[in-house]
Amino acid sequence: MEDWNANTLKTAHVQNRNIVVRKLNEQESIMSQARKLFVVGALKPDDYSNLKGSLKLMPNACEGIAGY
């Protein structure tokens, strides 16, 4: 019974970790695209700063996920 519980907890942890990794990868991709647009002048400095600020809040979206 303990092995089953341990496997269940491990599975839940791995699934939650994958969710967090997916969100972080998405955030990195958004910032990469924003930097490219900023460098070529297609994104205003204020817009770039606002985007950076809003993405810093994204780790809070991971709250409520077990283990984070």
Protein backbone atom coordinates (compact mmCIF):
# COMPACT_ATOMS: atom_id res chain seq x y z
CA MET A 1 0.00 0.00 0.00
CA GLU A 2 2.83 2.43 0.80
CA ASP A 3 4.44 1.83 -2.59
CA TRP A 4 1.16 2.63 -4.30
CA ASN A 5 0.84 5.89 -2.33
CA ALA A 6 4.44 6.82 -3.07
CA ASN A 7 3.91 6.19 -6.78
CA THR A 8 0.71 8.24 -6.75
CA LEU A 9 2.49 11.15 -5.06
CA LYS A 10 5.44 10.88 -7.44
CA THR A 11 3.11 10.90 -10.45
CA ALA A 12 1.29 13.97 -9.13
CA HIS A 13 4.60 15.73 -8.49
CA VAL A 14 5.87 14.98 -12.00
CA GLN A 15 2.62 16.21 -13.56
CA ASN A 16 2.73 19.43 -11.52
CA ARG A 17 6.38 19.96 -12.42
CA ASN A 18 5.55 19.54 -16.10
CA ILE A 19 2.84 22.21 -15.81
CA VAL A 20 5.30 24.65 -14.24
CA VAL A 21 7.98 23.89 -16.85
CA ARG A 22 5.45 24.39 -19.65
CA LYS A 23 4.42 27.78 -18.24
CA LEU A 24 8.03 28.89 -17.84
CA ASN A 25 8.85 27.84 -21.41
CA GLU A 26 5.85 29.81 -22.64
CA GLN A 27 7.01 32.84 -20.67
CA GLU A 28 10.53 32.58 -22.12
CA SER A 29 9.13 32.32 -25.64
CA ILE A 30 6.97 35.41 -25.16
CA MET A 31 9.92 37.40 -23.83
CA SER A 32 12.14 36.24 -26.69
CA GLN A 33 9.59 37.43 -29.24
CA ALA A 34 9.12 40.71 -27.37
CA ARG A 35 12.89 41.35 -27.29
CA LYS A 36 13.10 40.78 -31.05
CA LEU A 37 10.23 43.22 -31.65
CA PHE A 38 11.77 45.74 -29.27
CA VAL A 39 15.17 45.58 -30.99
CA VAL A 40 13.70 46.24 -34.44
CA GLY A 41 11.57 49.08 -33.04
CA ALA A 42 8.20 47.37 -33.52
CA LEU A 43 7.53 47.39 -29.77
CA LYS A 44 7.61 50.61 -27.76
CA PRO A 45 9.78 50.75 -24.63
CA ASP A 46 6.74 51.27 -22.38
CA ASP A 47 4.98 48.26 -23.90
CA TYR A 48 8.09 46.14 -23.47
CA SER A 49 8.41 47.19 -19.83
CA ASN A 50 4.74 46.46 -19.18
CA LEU A 51 5.09 43.03 -20.74
CA LYS A 52 8.15 42.26 -18.61
CA GLY A 53 6.29 43.38 -15.50
CA SER A 54 3.26 41.25 -16.25
CA LEU A 55 5.37 38.17 -16.94
CA LYS A 56 7.15 38.54 -13.60
CA LEU A 57 3.74 37.95 -12.06
CA MET A 58 3.28 34.66 -13.92
CA PRO A 59 5.04 32.54 -11.26
CA ASN A 60 2.09 33.43 -9.05
CA ALA A 61 -0.04 31.49 -11.50
CA CYS A 62 1.73 28.38 -10.22
CA GLU A 63 0.35 28.92 -6.74
CA GLY A 64 -2.14 26.30 -5.76
CA ILE A 65 -0.22 23.57 -7.58
CA ALA A 66 0.82 20.97 -5.06
CA GLY A 67 4.46 21.30 -4.15
CA TYR A 68 4.91 24.85 -5.50
